[in-house]
Amino acid sequence: TLERDRRGAAARLNGILARPANSPLAEPAGW
């Protein structure tokens, strides 16, 4: 479930940035 949430957040972030939803993102380094 958490992995699904992480992928969803990444897709949403890519969408806001006008990138393809499946564009790779690095692991976050911290808050």
ModelCIF file with pLDDT and N, C-alpha, C, O atoms, coordinates in Angstrom:
data_MODEL
#
_entry.id   MODEL 
#
_entity.id                         1 
_entity.type                       polymer 
_entity.pdbx_number_of_molecules   1 
#
_entity_poly.entity_id                      1 
_entity_poly.type                           'polypeptide(L)' 
_entity_poly.nstd_linkage                   no 
_entity_poly.nstd_monomer                   no 
_entity_poly.pdbx_seq_one_letter_code       TLERDRRGAAARLNGILARPANSPLAEPAGW 
_entity_poly.pdbx_seq_one_letter_code_can   TLERDRRGAAARLNGILARPANSPLAEPAGW 
_entity_poly.pdbx_strand_id                 A 
#
loop_
_entity_poly_seq.entity_id 
_entity_poly_seq.num 
_entity_poly_seq.mon_id 
_entity_poly_seq.hetero 
1 1  THR n 
1 2  LEU n 
1 3  GLU n 
1 4  ARG n 
1 5  ASP n 
1 6  ARG n 
1 7  ARG n 
1 8  GLY n 
1 9  ALA n 
1 10 ALA n 
1 11 ALA n 
1 12 ARG n 
1 13 LEU n 
1 14 ASN n 
1 15 GLY n 
1 16 ILE n 
1 17 LEU n 
1 18 ALA n 
1 19 ARG n 
1 20 PRO n 
1 21 ALA n 
1 22 ASN n 
1 23 SER n 
1 24 PRO n 
1 25 LEU n 
1 26 ALA n 
1 27 GLU n 
1 28 PRO n 
1 29 ALA n 
1 30 GLY n 
1 31 TRP n 
#
_struct_asym.id          A 
_struct_asym.entity_id   1 
#
loop_
_ma_qa_metric.id 
_ma_qa_metric.mode 
_ma_qa_metric.name 
_ma_qa_metric.software_group_id 
_ma_qa_metric.type 
1 global pLDDT . pLDDT 
2 local  pLDDT . pLDDT 
#
_ma_qa_metric_global.metric_id      1 
_ma_qa_metric_global.metric_value   93.10 
_ma_qa_metric_global.model_id       1 
_ma_qa_metric_global.ordinal_id     1 
#
loop_
_ma_qa_metric_local.label_asym_id 
_ma_qa_metric_local.label_comp_id 
_ma_qa_metric_local.label_seq_id 
_ma_qa_metric_local.metric_id 
_ma_qa_metric_local.metric_value 
_ma_qa_metric_local.model_id 
_ma_qa_metric_local.ordinal_id 
A THR 1  2 94.00 1 1  
A LEU 2  2 94.00 1 2  
A GLU 3  2 95.00 1 3  
A ARG 4  2 95.00 1 4  
A ASP 5  2 94.00 1 5  
A ARG 6  2 95.00 1 6  
A ARG 7  2 95.00 1 7  
A GLY 8  2 95.00 1 8  
A ALA 9  2 94.00 1 9  
A ALA 10 2 95.00 1 10 
A ALA 11 2 95.00 1 11 
A ARG 12 2 95.00 1 12 
A LEU 13 2 95.00 1 13 
A ASN 14 2 94.00 1 14 
A GLY 15 2 94.00 1 15 
A ILE 16 2 94.00 1 16 
A LEU 17 2 94.00 1 17 
A ALA 18 2 92.00 1 18 
A ARG 19 2 92.00 1 19 
A PRO 20 2 92.00 1 20 
A ALA 21 2 90.00 1 21 
A ASN 22 2 90.00 1 22 
A SER 23 2 91.00 1 23 
A PRO 24 2 91.00 1 24 
A LEU 25 2 93.00 1 25 
A ALA 26 2 92.00 1 26 
A GLU 27 2 92.00 1 27 
A PRO 28 2 92.00 1 28 
A ALA 29 2 90.00 1 29 
A GLY 30 2 90.00 1 30 
A TRP 31 2 92.00 1 31 
#
loop_
_atom_site.group_PDB 
_atom_site.id 
_atom_site.type_symbol 
_atom_site.label_atom_id 
_atom_site.label_alt_id 
_atom_site.label_comp_id 
_atom_site.label_asym_id 
_atom_site.label_entity_id 
_atom_site.label_seq_id 
_atom_site.pdbx_PDB_ins_code 
_atom_site.Cartn_x 
_atom_site.Cartn_y 
_atom_site.Cartn_z 
_atom_site.occupancy 
_atom_site.B_iso_or_equiv 
_atom_site.pdbx_formal_charge 
_atom_site.auth_seq_id 
_atom_site.auth_comp_id 
_atom_site.auth_asym_id 
_atom_site.auth_atom_id 
_atom_site.pdbx_PDB_model_num 
ATOM 1   N N  . THR A 1 1  ? 0.828  -1.207 0.000   1.00 94.00 ? 1  THR A N  1 
ATOM 2   C CA . THR A 1 1  ? 0.000  0.000  0.000   1.00 94.00 ? 1  THR A CA 1 
ATOM 3   C C  . THR A 1 1  ? 0.864  1.259  0.000   1.00 94.00 ? 1  THR A C  1 
ATOM 4   O O  . THR A 1 1  ? 0.582  2.211  -0.728  1.00 94.00 ? 1  THR A O  1 
ATOM 5   N N  . LEU A 1 2  ? 1.906  1.261  0.810   1.00 94.00 ? 2  LEU A N  1 
ATOM 6   C CA . LEU A 1 2  ? 2.791  2.423  0.873   1.00 94.00 ? 2  LEU A CA 1 
ATOM 7   C C  . LEU A 1 2  ? 3.534  2.631  -0.444  1.00 94.00 ? 2  LEU A C  1 
ATOM 8   O O  . LEU A 1 2  ? 3.744  3.768  -0.867  1.00 94.00 ? 2  LEU A O  1 
ATOM 9   N N  . GLU A 1 3  ? 3.929  1.544  -1.088  1.00 95.00 ? 3  GLU A N  1 
ATOM 10  C CA . GLU A 1 3  ? 4.601  1.665  -2.379  1.00 95.00 ? 3  GLU A CA 1 
ATOM 11  C C  . GLU A 1 3  ? 3.650  2.251  -3.419  1.00 95.00 ? 3  GLU A C  1 
ATOM 12  O O  . GLU A 1 3  ? 4.052  3.055  -4.260  1.00 95.00 ? 3  GLU A O  1 
ATOM 13  N N  . ARG A 1 4  ? 2.376  1.835  -3.349  1.00 95.00 ? 4  ARG A N  1 
ATOM 14  C CA . ARG A 1 4  ? 1.381  2.431  -4.239  1.00 95.00 ? 4  ARG A CA 1 
ATOM 15  C C  . ARG A 1 4  ? 1.272  3.927  -3.989  1.00 95.00 ? 4  ARG A C  1 
ATOM 16  O O  . ARG A 1 4  ? 1.211  4.708  -4.938  1.00 95.00 ? 4  ARG A O  1 
ATOM 17  N N  . ASP A 1 5  ? 1.247  4.337  -2.722  1.00 94.00 ? 5  ASP A N  1 
ATOM 18  C CA . ASP A 1 5  ? 1.159  5.757  -2.384  1.00 94.00 ? 5  ASP A CA 1 
ATOM 19  C C  . ASP A 1 5  ? 2.383  6.519  -2.882  1.00 94.00 ? 5  ASP A C  1 
ATOM 20  O O  . ASP A 1 5  ? 2.263  7.652  -3.348  1.00 94.00 ? 5  ASP A O  1 
ATOM 21  N N  . ARG A 1 6  ? 3.555  5.902  -2.783  1.00 95.00 ? 6  ARG A N  1 
ATOM 22  C CA . ARG A 1 6  ? 4.762  6.569  -3.251  1.00 95.00 ? 6  ARG A CA 1 
ATOM 23  C C  . ARG A 1 6  ? 4.725  6.765  -4.767  1.00 95.00 ? 6  ARG A C  1 
ATOM 24  O O  . ARG A 1 6  ? 5.082  7.833  -5.264  1.00 95.00 ? 6  ARG A O  1 
ATOM 25  N N  . ARG A 1 7  ? 4.299  5.747  -5.494  1.00 95.00 ? 7  ARG A N  1 
ATOM 26  C CA . ARG A 1 7  ? 4.189  5.883  -6.946  1.00 95.00 ? 7  ARG A CA 1 
ATOM 27  C C  . ARG A 1 7  ? 3.147  6.930  -7.319  1.00 95.00 ? 7  ARG A C  1 
ATOM 28  O O  . ARG A 1 7  ? 3.333  7.698  -8.263  1.00 95.00 ? 7  ARG A O  1 
ATOM 29  N N  . GLY A 1 8  ? 2.041  6.951  -6.561  1.00 95.00 ? 8  GLY A N  1 
ATOM 30  C CA . GLY A 1 8  ? 1.016  7.952  -6.835  1.00 95.00 ? 8  GLY A CA 1 
ATOM 31  C C  . GLY A 1 8  ? 1.513  9.363  -6.607  1.00 95.00 ? 8  GLY A C  1 
ATOM 32  O O  . GLY A 1 8  ? 1.238  10.256 -7.409  1.00 95.00 ? 8  GLY A O  1 
ATOM 33  N N  . ALA A 1 9  ? 2.248  9.580  -5.516  1.00 94.00 ? 9  ALA A N  1 
ATOM 34  C CA . ALA A 1 9  ? 2.802  10.907 -5.240  1.00 94.00 ? 9  ALA A CA 1 
ATOM 35  C C  . ALA A 1 9  ? 3.796  11.310 -6.317  1.00 94.00 ? 9  ALA A C  1 
ATOM 36  O O  . ALA A 1 9  ? 3.830  12.469 -6.730  1.00 94.00 ? 9  ALA A O  1 
ATOM 37  N N  . ALA A 1 10 ? 4.613  10.351 -6.778  1.00 95.00 ? 10 ALA A N  1 
ATOM 38  C CA . ALA A 1 10 ? 5.579  10.641 -7.838  1.00 95.00 ? 10 ALA A CA 1 
ATOM 39  C C  . ALA A 1 10 ? 4.869  11.011 -9.141  1.00 95.00 ? 10 ALA A C  1 
ATOM 40  O O  . ALA A 1 10 ? 5.274  11.951 -9.824  1.00 95.00 ? 10 ALA A O  1 
ATOM 41  N N  . ALA A 1 11 ? 3.810  10.271 -9.485  1.00 95.00 ? 11 ALA A N  1 
ATOM 42  C CA . ALA A 1 11 ? 3.057  10.577 -10.704 1.00 95.00 ? 11 ALA A CA 1 
ATOM 43  C C  . ALA A 1 11 ? 2.403  11.948 -10.618 1.00 95.00 ? 11 ALA A C  1 
ATOM 44  O O  . ALA A 1 11 ? 2.400  12.704 -11.590 1.00 95.00 ? 11 ALA A O  1 
ATOM 45  N N  . ARG A 1 12 ? 1.847  12.266 -9.447  1.00 95.00 ? 12 ARG A N  1 
ATOM 46  C CA . ARG A 1 12 ? 1.227  13.583 -9.261  1.00 95.00 ? 12 ARG A CA 1 
ATOM 47  C C  . ARG A 1 12 ? 2.272  14.694 -9.380  1.00 95.00 ? 12 ARG A C  1 
ATOM 48  O O  . ARG A 1 12 ? 2.010  15.732 -9.988  1.00 95.00 ? 12 ARG A O  1 
ATOM 49  N N  . LEU A 1 13 ? 3.432  14.481 -8.811  1.00 95.00 ? 13 LEU A N  1 
ATOM 50  C CA . LEU A 1 13 ? 4.505  15.462 -8.895  1.00 95.00 ? 13 LEU A CA 1 
ATOM 51  C C  . LEU A 1 13 ? 4.948  15.651 -10.337 1.00 95.00 ? 13 LEU A C  1 
ATOM 52  O O  . LEU A 1 13 ? 5.151  16.782 -10.778 1.00 95.00 ? 13 LEU A O  1 
ATOM 53  N N  . ASN A 1 14 ? 5.099  14.568 -11.070 1.00 94.00 ? 14 ASN A N  1 
ATOM 54  C CA . ASN A 1 14 ? 5.469  14.659 -12.487 1.00 94.00 ? 14 ASN A CA 1 
ATOM 55  C C  . ASN A 1 14 ? 4.408  15.402 -13.288 1.00 94.00 ? 14 ASN A C  1 
ATOM 56  O O  . ASN A 1 14 ? 4.734  16.201 -14.166 1.00 94.00 ? 14 ASN A O  1 
ATOM 57  N N  . GLY A 1 15 ? 3.138  15.140 -12.986 1.00 94.00 ? 15 GLY A N  1 
ATOM 58  C CA . GLY A 1 15 ? 2.064  15.813 -13.704 1.00 94.00 ? 15 GLY A CA 1 
ATOM 59  C C  . GLY A 1 15 ? 2.087  17.319 -13.508 1.00 94.00 ? 15 GLY A C  1 
ATOM 60  O O  . GLY A 1 15 ? 1.894  18.072 -14.462 1.00 94.00 ? 15 GLY A O  1 
ATOM 61  N N  . ILE A 1 16 ? 2.320  17.764 -12.284 1.00 94.00 ? 16 ILE A N  1 
ATOM 62  C CA . ILE A 1 16 ? 2.390  19.202 -12.010 1.00 94.00 ? 16 ILE A CA 1 
ATOM 63  C C  . ILE A 1 16 ? 3.547  19.832 -12.767 1.00 94.00 ? 16 ILE A C  1 
ATOM 64  O O  . ILE A 1 16 ? 3.461  20.982 -13.196 1.00 94.00 ? 16 ILE A O  1 
ATOM 65  N N  . LEU A 1 17 ? 4.639  19.076 -12.933 1.00 94.00 ? 17 LEU A N  1 
ATOM 66  C CA . LEU A 1 17 ? 5.832  19.577 -13.608 1.00 94.00 ? 17 LEU A CA 1 
ATOM 67  C C  . LEU A 1 17 ? 5.786  19.373 -15.114 1.00 94.00 ? 17 LEU A C  1 
ATOM 68  O O  . LEU A 1 17 ? 6.781  19.600 -15.801 1.00 94.00 ? 17 LEU A O  1 
ATOM 69  N N  . ALA A 1 18 ? 4.632  18.943 -15.637 1.00 92.00 ? 18 ALA A N  1 
ATOM 70  C CA . ALA A 1 18 ? 4.466  18.727 -17.075 1.00 92.00 ? 18 ALA A CA 1 
ATOM 71  C C  . ALA A 1 18 ? 5.433  17.676 -17.599 1.00 92.00 ? 18 ALA A C  1 
ATOM 72  O O  . ALA A 1 18 ? 5.962  17.804 -18.703 1.00 92.00 ? 18 ALA A O  1 
ATOM 73  N N  . ARG A 1 19 ? 5.663  16.626 -16.795 1.00 92.00 ? 19 ARG A N  1 
ATOM 74  C CA . ARG A 1 19 ? 6.485  15.493 -17.192 1.00 92.00 ? 19 ARG A CA 1 
ATOM 75  C C  . ARG A 1 19 ? 5.599  14.261 -17.337 1.00 92.00 ? 19 ARG A C  1 
ATOM 76  O O  . ARG A 1 19 ? 4.539  14.198 -16.716 1.00 92.00 ? 19 ARG A O  1 
ATOM 77  N N  . PRO A 1 20 ? 6.005  13.284 -18.138 1.00 92.00 ? 20 PRO A N  1 
ATOM 78  C CA . PRO A 1 20 ? 5.251  12.030 -18.178 1.00 92.00 ? 20 PRO A CA 1 
ATOM 79  C C  . PRO A 1 20 ? 5.106  11.440 -16.784 1.00 92.00 ? 20 PRO A C  1 
ATOM 80  O O  . PRO A 1 20 ? 6.020  11.534 -15.964 1.00 92.00 ? 20 PRO A O  1 
ATOM 81  N N  . ALA A 1 21 ? 3.957  10.835 -16.518 1.00 90.00 ? 21 ALA A N  1 
ATOM 82  C CA . ALA A 1 21 ? 3.656  10.351 -15.170 1.00 90.00 ? 21 ALA A CA 1 
ATOM 83  C C  . ALA A 1 21 ? 4.672  9.338  -14.672 1.00 90.00 ? 21 ALA A C  1 
ATOM 84  O O  . ALA A 1 21 ? 4.937  9.261  -13.472 1.00 90.00 ? 21 ALA A O  1 
ATOM 85  N N  . ASN A 1 22 ? 5.246  8.557  -15.587 1.00 90.00 ? 22 ASN A N  1 
ATOM 86  C CA . ASN A 1 22 ? 6.191  7.509  -15.190 1.00 90.00 ? 22 ASN A CA 1 
ATOM 87  C C  . ASN A 1 22 ? 7.643  7.973  -15.249 1.00 90.00 ? 22 ASN A C  1 
ATOM 88  O O  . ASN A 1 22 ? 8.544  7.138  -15.176 1.00 90.00 ? 22 ASN A O  1 
ATOM 89  N N  . SER A 1 23 ? 7.898  9.254  -15.378 1.00 91.00 ? 23 SER A N  1 
ATOM 90  C CA . SER A 1 23 ? 9.266  9.755  -15.395 1.00 91.00 ? 23 SER A CA 1 
ATOM 91  C C  . SER A 1 23 ? 9.958  9.424  -14.083 1.00 91.00 ? 23 SER A C  1 
ATOM 92  O O  . SER A 1 23 ? 9.353  9.545  -13.017 1.00 91.00 ? 23 SER A O  1 
ATOM 93  N N  . PRO A 1 24 ? 11.220 9.006  -14.146 1.00 91.00 ? 24 PRO A N  1 
ATOM 94  C CA . PRO A 1 24 ? 11.902 8.602  -12.910 1.00 91.00 ? 24 PRO A CA 1 
ATOM 95  C C  . PRO A 1 24 ? 12.187 9.794  -11.997 1.00 91.00 ? 24 PRO A C  1 
ATOM 96  O O  . PRO A 1 24 ? 12.485 10.896 -12.459 1.00 91.00 ? 24 PRO A O  1 
ATOM 97  N N  . LEU A 1 25 ? 12.090 9.549  -10.710 1.00 93.00 ? 25 LEU A N  1 
ATOM 98  C CA . LEU A 1 25 ? 12.450 10.516 -9.687  1.00 93.00 ? 25 LEU A CA 1 
ATOM 99  C C  . LEU A 1 25 ? 13.405 9.860  -8.708  1.00 93.00 ? 25 LEU A C  1 
ATOM 100 O O  . LEU A 1 25 ? 13.249 8.687  -8.369  1.00 93.00 ? 25 LEU A O  1 
ATOM 101 N N  . ALA A 1 26 ? 14.390 10.617 -8.254  1.00 92.00 ? 26 ALA A N  1 
ATOM 102 C CA . ALA A 1 26 ? 15.320 10.097 -7.260  1.00 92.00 ? 26 ALA A CA 1 
ATOM 103 C C  . ALA A 1 26 ? 14.614 9.915  -5.922  1.00 92.00 ? 26 ALA A C  1 
ATOM 104 O O  . ALA A 1 26 ? 13.585 10.536 -5.656  1.00 92.00 ? 26 ALA A O  1 
ATOM 105 N N  . GLU A 1 27 ? 15.179 9.063  -5.097  1.00 92.00 ? 27 GLU A N  1 
ATOM 106 C CA . GLU A 1 27 ? 14.635 8.927  -3.750  1.00 92.00 ? 27 GLU A CA 1 
ATOM 107 C C  . GLU A 1 27 ? 14.810 10.232 -2.990  1.00 92.00 ? 27 GLU A C  1 
ATOM 108 O O  . GLU A 1 27 ? 15.867 10.856 -3.080  1.00 92.00 ? 27 GLU A O  1 
ATOM 109 N N  . PRO A 1 28 ? 13.800 10.659 -2.243  1.00 92.00 ? 28 PRO A N  1 
ATOM 110 C CA . PRO A 1 28 ? 13.930 11.910 -1.488  1.00 92.00 ? 28 PRO A CA 1 
ATOM 111 C C  . PRO A 1 28 ? 15.011 11.793 -0.421  1.00 92.00 ? 28 PRO A C  1 
ATOM 112 O O  . PRO A 1 28 ? 15.127 10.766 0.248   1.00 92.00 ? 28 PRO A O  1 
ATOM 113 N N  . ALA A 1 29 ? 15.797 12.851 -0.267  1.00 90.00 ? 29 ALA A N  1 
ATOM 114 C CA . ALA A 1 29 ? 16.894 12.846 0.698   1.00 90.00 ? 29 ALA A CA 1 
ATOM 115 C C  . ALA A 1 29 ? 16.444 13.237 2.096   1.00 90.00 ? 29 ALA A C  1 
ATOM 116 O O  . ALA A 1 29 ? 17.221 13.102 3.041   1.00 90.00 ? 29 ALA A O  1 
ATOM 117 N N  . GLY A 1 30 ? 15.236 13.710 2.258   1.00 90.00 ? 30 GLY A N  1 
ATOM 118 C CA . GLY A 1 30 ? 14.747 14.113 3.577   1.00 90.00 ? 30 GLY A CA 1 
ATOM 119 C C  . GLY A 1 30 ? 13.679 15.175 3.465   1.00 90.00 ? 30 GLY A C  1 
ATOM 120 O O  . GLY A 1 30 ? 13.386 15.687 2.384   1.00 90.00 ? 30 GLY A O  1 
ATOM 121 N N  . TRP A 1 31 ? 13.108 15.492 4.605   1.00 92.00 ? 31 TRP A N  1 
ATOM 122 C CA . TRP A 1 31 ? 12.052 16.504 4.650   1.00 92.00 ? 31 TRP A CA 1 
ATOM 123 C C  . TRP A 1 31 ? 12.601 17.879 4.292   1.00 92.00 ? 31 TRP A C  1 
ATOM 124 O O  . TRP A 1 31 ? 11.853 18.857 4.278   1.00 92.00 ? 31 TRP A O  1 
#
